[in-house]
């Protein structure tokens, strides 16, 4: 009888060890997944948030179109990440030069901004489109596709389901005011700052901690005028 009891206890012990091992294995992988997702979330936030320069624009070419009887303006759009590093530049050509940048801006409640909350202490933004309004001749170019991870913001080179879900949530919150309020967001809206773009000027797009996007204008330094910079 004692032999059977000892065998039963041994089996029970082995079973407990196996269950603990499996639980540890699952717990370790859950921990690794959670840590990875938190790192990715922080990286996404860092690439979105800013309190100063977020992009610069230059007019690189102006030509006259005799058919439309308008001047065609080509601009260079250079966006910066949160570390101040330039992303891949984009070029857009328009019939005209009153150009606007359609952006999604999410402002968090003042309490988060004042407290310097790690994830909600600054307004976050995303450039969506650049366009010129001209009735049925309106021109627009897409900078970021809706519900997708924007070019230049991807954390991993390989598509990731968690990262994709984060961006879908961002788009939803930015376009759904009711849901945004429940997440500690004071205001989420589409903004479209714009101005007249002319050669010889540097246009700097900036965002504030608790504000929207503005465009600052200054002359290009004299030493750079008429020069082609080779790198």
Protein backbone atom coordinates (compact mmCIF):
# COMPACT_ATOMS: atom_id res chain seq x y z
CA UNK A 1 0.00 0.00 0.00
CA UNK A 2 2.83 2.36 0.95
CA UNK A 3 4.43 1.61 -2.42
CA UNK A 4 1.33 2.85 -4.25
CA UNK A 5 1.12 5.95 -2.06
CA UNK A 6 4.77 6.77 -2.76
CA UNK A 7 4.22 6.27 -6.50
CA UNK A 8 1.14 8.49 -6.41
CA UNK A 9 3.04 11.20 -4.53
CA UNK A 10 5.89 10.99 -7.02
CA UNK A 11 3.49 11.33 -9.96
CA UNK A 12 1.77 14.24 -8.24
CA UNK A 13 5.13 15.92 -7.60
CA UNK A 14 6.20 15.47 -11.21
CA UNK A 15 2.84 16.82 -12.37
CA UNK A 16 3.22 19.89 -10.14
CA UNK A 17 6.76 20.47 -11.42
CA UNK A 18 5.50 20.17 -14.98
CA UNK A 19 2.67 22.61 -14.38
CA UNK A 20 5.01 25.08 -12.67
CA UNK A 21 7.46 24.75 -15.54
CA UNK A 22 4.73 25.35 -18.12
CA UNK A 23 3.37 28.30 -16.13
CA UNK A 24 6.88 29.72 -15.89
CA UNK A 25 7.41 29.25 -19.61
CA UNK A 26 4.11 30.98 -20.44
CA UNK A 27 4.79 33.70 -17.87
CA UNK A 28 8.24 34.39 -19.31
CA UNK A 29 6.90 34.72 -22.84
CA UNK A 30 4.02 36.93 -21.64
CA UNK A 31 6.57 39.12 -19.83
CA UNK A 32 8.76 39.32 -22.94
CA UNK A 33 5.74 40.21 -25.07
CA UNK A 34 4.62 42.90 -22.61
CA UNK A 35 8.10 44.44 -22.41
CA UNK A 36 8.44 44.45 -26.20
CA UNK A 37 5.03 46.07 -26.67
CA UNK A 38 5.79 48.76 -24.06
CA UNK A 39 9.09 49.56 -25.80
CA UNK A 40 7.28 49.78 -29.13
CA UNK A 41 4.56 52.01 -27.65
CA UNK A 42 7.17 54.39 -26.22
CA UNK A 43 9.02 54.46 -29.52
CA UNK A 44 5.80 55.31 -31.38
CA UNK A 45 5.01 58.13 -28.92
CA UNK A 46 8.56 59.50 -29.19
CA UNK A 47 8.26 59.65 -32.97
CA UNK A 48 4.97 61.52 -32.77
CA UNK A 49 5.34 64.00 -29.92
CA UNK A 50 7.16 67.31 -30.27
CA UNK A 51 7.16 70.77 -28.79
CA UNK A 52 9.03 72.69 -31.49
CA UNK A 53 10.12 72.06 -35.07
CA UNK A 54 8.35 69.18 -36.79
CA UNK A 55 8.95 69.97 -40.48
CA UNK A 56 10.56 72.44 -42.86
CA UNK A 57 9.48 73.47 -46.35
CA UNK A 58 11.35 75.14 -49.21
CA UNK A 59 10.25 76.20 -52.67
CA UNK A 60 12.66 74.40 -55.01
CA UNK A 61 11.21 75.44 -58.36
CA UNK A 62 8.69 77.83 -59.93
CA UNK A 63 7.67 77.55 -63.60
CA UNK A 64 4.93 79.20 -65.64
CA UNK A 65 2.27 76.96 -67.21
CA UNK A 66 0.87 78.72 -70.32
CA UNK A 67 -2.12 76.33 -70.48
CA UNK A 68 -3.41 77.04 -66.97
CA UNK A 69 -1.82 80.50 -66.97
CA UNK A 70 -0.58 79.79 -63.47
CA UNK A 71 2.81 79.41 -61.88
CA UNK A 72 3.64 75.83 -60.90
CA UNK A 73 5.32 75.63 -57.51
CA UNK A 74 7.42 72.68 -56.37
CA UNK A 75 8.09 72.38 -52.65
CA UNK A 76 10.43 70.19 -50.66
CA UNK A 77 8.77 68.86 -47.49
CA UNK A 78 11.20 67.62 -44.85
CA UNK A 79 9.74 66.12 -41.68
CA UNK A 80 11.73 65.63 -38.47
CA UNK A 81 11.42 62.92 -35.84
CA UNK A 82 11.38 63.59 -32.07
CA UNK A 83 15.20 63.46 -31.93
CA UNK A 84 15.40 66.24 -34.53
CA UNK A 85 16.63 63.92 -37.26
CA UNK A 86 15.30 64.44 -40.80
CA UNK A 87 13.12 61.80 -42.45
CA UNK A 88 13.04 61.06 -46.17
CA UNK A 89 12.14 64.33 -47.97
CA UNK A 90 9.04 64.52 -50.19
CA UNK A 91 8.48 66.78 -53.21
CA UNK A 92 5.10 68.12 -54.35
CA UNK A 93 4.21 70.28 -57.38
CA UNK A 94 1.11 72.49 -57.44
CA UNK A 95 -0.61 74.90 -59.82
CA UNK A 96 -0.36 77.83 -57.42
CA UNK A 97 1.38 78.58 -54.14
CA UNK A 98 -1.28 78.92 -51.41
CA UNK A 99 -0.52 75.52 -49.88
CA UNK A 100 -2.00 73.87 -46.78
CA UNK A 101 -0.95 70.88 -44.68
CA UNK A 102 -3.82 68.77 -43.38
CA UNK A 103 -2.85 67.28 -40.03
CA UNK A 104 -4.41 65.28 -37.21
CA UNK A 105 -3.69 66.86 -33.83
CA UNK A 106 -4.55 65.26 -30.49
CA UNK A 107 -4.42 67.45 -27.37
CA UNK A 108 -4.53 65.84 -23.94
CA UNK A 109 -6.22 67.29 -20.86
CA UNK A 110 -4.32 70.12 -19.14
CA UNK A 111 -3.61 68.02 -16.04
CA UNK A 112 -1.52 65.56 -18.07
CA UNK A 113 0.39 68.36 -19.80
CA UNK A 114 1.12 70.20 -16.53
CA UNK A 115 2.26 66.99 -14.87
CA UNK A 116 4.52 66.11 -17.81
CA UNK A 117 2.85 62.71 -18.17
CA UNK A 118 5.19 60.31 -19.98
CA UNK A 119 2.64 59.39 -22.67
CA UNK A 120 0.09 62.22 -22.47
CA UNK A 121 2.20 65.25 -21.56
CA UNK A 122 2.38 66.69 -25.08
CA UNK A 123 0.11 67.14 -28.04
CA UNK A 124 0.69 64.56 -30.74
CA UNK A 125 0.25 65.05 -34.46
CA UNK A 126 0.41 63.37 -37.81
CA UNK A 127 0.69 64.94 -41.26
CA UNK A 128 -2.09 63.52 -43.44
CA UNK A 129 -2.26 65.46 -46.72
CA UNK A 130 -0.87 68.54 -48.46
CA UNK A 131 -3.23 70.41 -50.78
CA UNK A 132 -4.31 73.55 -52.65
CA UNK A 133 -8.00 74.52 -52.67
CA UNK A 134 -9.18 75.58 -56.12
CA UNK A 135 -12.79 74.41 -56.58
CA UNK A 136 -13.01 71.47 -58.95
CA UNK A 137 -9.30 71.91 -59.71
CA UNK A 138 -8.28 71.27 -56.10
CA UNK A 139 -4.98 69.38 -55.86
CA UNK A 140 -3.94 67.13 -53.00
CA UNK A 141 -1.22 64.63 -52.20
CA UNK A 142 -1.33 62.00 -49.48
CA UNK A 143 1.46 62.07 -46.90
CA UNK A 144 0.11 59.30 -44.64
CA UNK A 145 -2.50 56.65 -45.50
CA UNK A 146 -5.41 56.37 -43.09
CA UNK A 147 -5.33 53.36 -40.71
CA UNK A 148 -1.78 52.46 -41.77
CA UNK A 149 1.59 52.89 -40.08
CA UNK A 150 2.90 56.12 -41.65
CA UNK A 151 6.06 56.03 -43.71
CA UNK A 152 8.98 57.10 -41.54
CA UNK A 153 7.23 56.22 -38.27
CA UNK A 154 7.50 52.43 -38.34
CA UNK A 155 9.38 51.06 -35.33
CA UNK A 156 10.25 47.65 -36.82
CA UNK A 157 11.24 47.01 -40.41
CA UNK A 158 8.96 43.95 -40.37
CA UNK A 159 5.20 44.69 -40.09
CA UNK A 160 3.96 44.08 -36.54
CA UNK A 161 0.33 43.40 -35.55
CA UNK A 162 0.61 45.31 -32.26
CA UNK A 163 2.13 48.36 -33.96
CA UNK A 164 -0.61 48.26 -36.60
CA UNK A 165 -3.29 48.13 -33.91
CA UNK A 166 -1.76 51.14 -32.11
CA UNK A 167 -1.99 53.19 -35.29
CA UNK A 168 -5.56 52.12 -35.99
CA UNK A 169 -6.41 53.32 -32.47
CA UNK A 170 -4.67 56.65 -33.13
CA UNK A 171 -6.66 57.23 -36.31
CA UNK A 172 -9.91 56.27 -34.55
CA UNK A 173 -9.30 58.57 -31.58
CA UNK A 174 -8.27 61.46 -33.81
CA UNK A 175 -11.49 61.16 -35.81
CA UNK A 176 -13.93 60.17 -33.04
CA UNK A 177 -14.37 62.96 -30.48
CA UNK A 178 -16.64 60.94 -28.14
CA UNK A 179 -14.21 58.06 -27.74
CA UNK A 180 -11.29 60.47 -27.43
CA UNK A 181 -12.86 62.13 -24.36
CA UNK A 182 -12.95 58.80 -22.56
CA UNK A 183 -9.18 58.41 -23.04
CA UNK A 184 -8.14 61.66 -21.34
CA UNK A 185 -8.04 63.62 -24.59
CA UNK A 186 -9.21 67.22 -24.43
CA UNK A 187 -9.45 67.76 -28.15
CA UNK A 188 -8.78 65.78 -31.31
CA UNK A 189 -9.28 67.44 -34.65
CA UNK A 190 -8.11 67.98 -38.20
CA UNK A 191 -6.07 71.13 -38.74
CA UNK A 192 -4.86 72.63 -42.01
CA UNK A 193 -2.33 75.43 -41.49
CA UNK A 194 -1.23 77.05 -44.71
CA UNK A 195 0.39 80.11 -46.26
CA UNK A 196 1.79 81.47 -49.53
CA UNK A 197 5.01 79.67 -50.43
CA UNK A 198 7.59 81.69 -52.35
CA UNK A 199 11.27 81.15 -53.24
CA UNK A 200 13.97 82.41 -50.90
CA UNK A 201 12.04 81.70 -47.70
CA UNK A 202 12.30 78.90 -45.14
CA UNK A 203 8.96 77.70 -43.73
CA UNK A 204 9.14 75.91 -40.37
CA UNK A 205 6.14 73.99 -39.05
CA UNK A 206 6.02 73.79 -35.25
CA UNK A 207 3.75 72.33 -32.58
CA UNK A 208 3.39 73.33 -28.93
CA UNK A 209 2.94 71.12 -25.85
CA UNK A 210 -0.75 71.93 -25.55
CA UNK A 211 -1.41 73.64 -28.88
CA UNK A 212 -1.76 73.12 -32.59
CA UNK A 213 0.54 73.44 -35.57
CA UNK A 214 1.78 76.82 -36.78
CA UNK A 215 4.02 77.97 -39.66
CA UNK A 216 6.94 80.30 -38.96
CA UNK A 217 8.59 82.07 -41.90
CA UNK A 218 12.09 83.48 -42.25
CA UNK A 219 14.46 84.37 -45.08
CA UNK A 220 17.01 81.80 -46.16
CA UNK A 221 20.49 82.90 -44.98
CA UNK A 222 22.17 84.98 -47.67
CA UNK A 223 25.10 82.60 -47.95
CA UNK A 224 22.78 79.80 -49.15
CA UNK A 225 20.89 81.77 -51.80
CA UNK A 226 21.58 80.56 -55.33
CA UNK A 227 23.78 77.69 -54.11
CA UNK A 228 23.35 73.98 -54.70
CA UNK A 229 24.57 72.11 -51.65
CA UNK A 230 26.25 68.77 -52.38
CA UNK A 231 26.53 66.15 -49.66
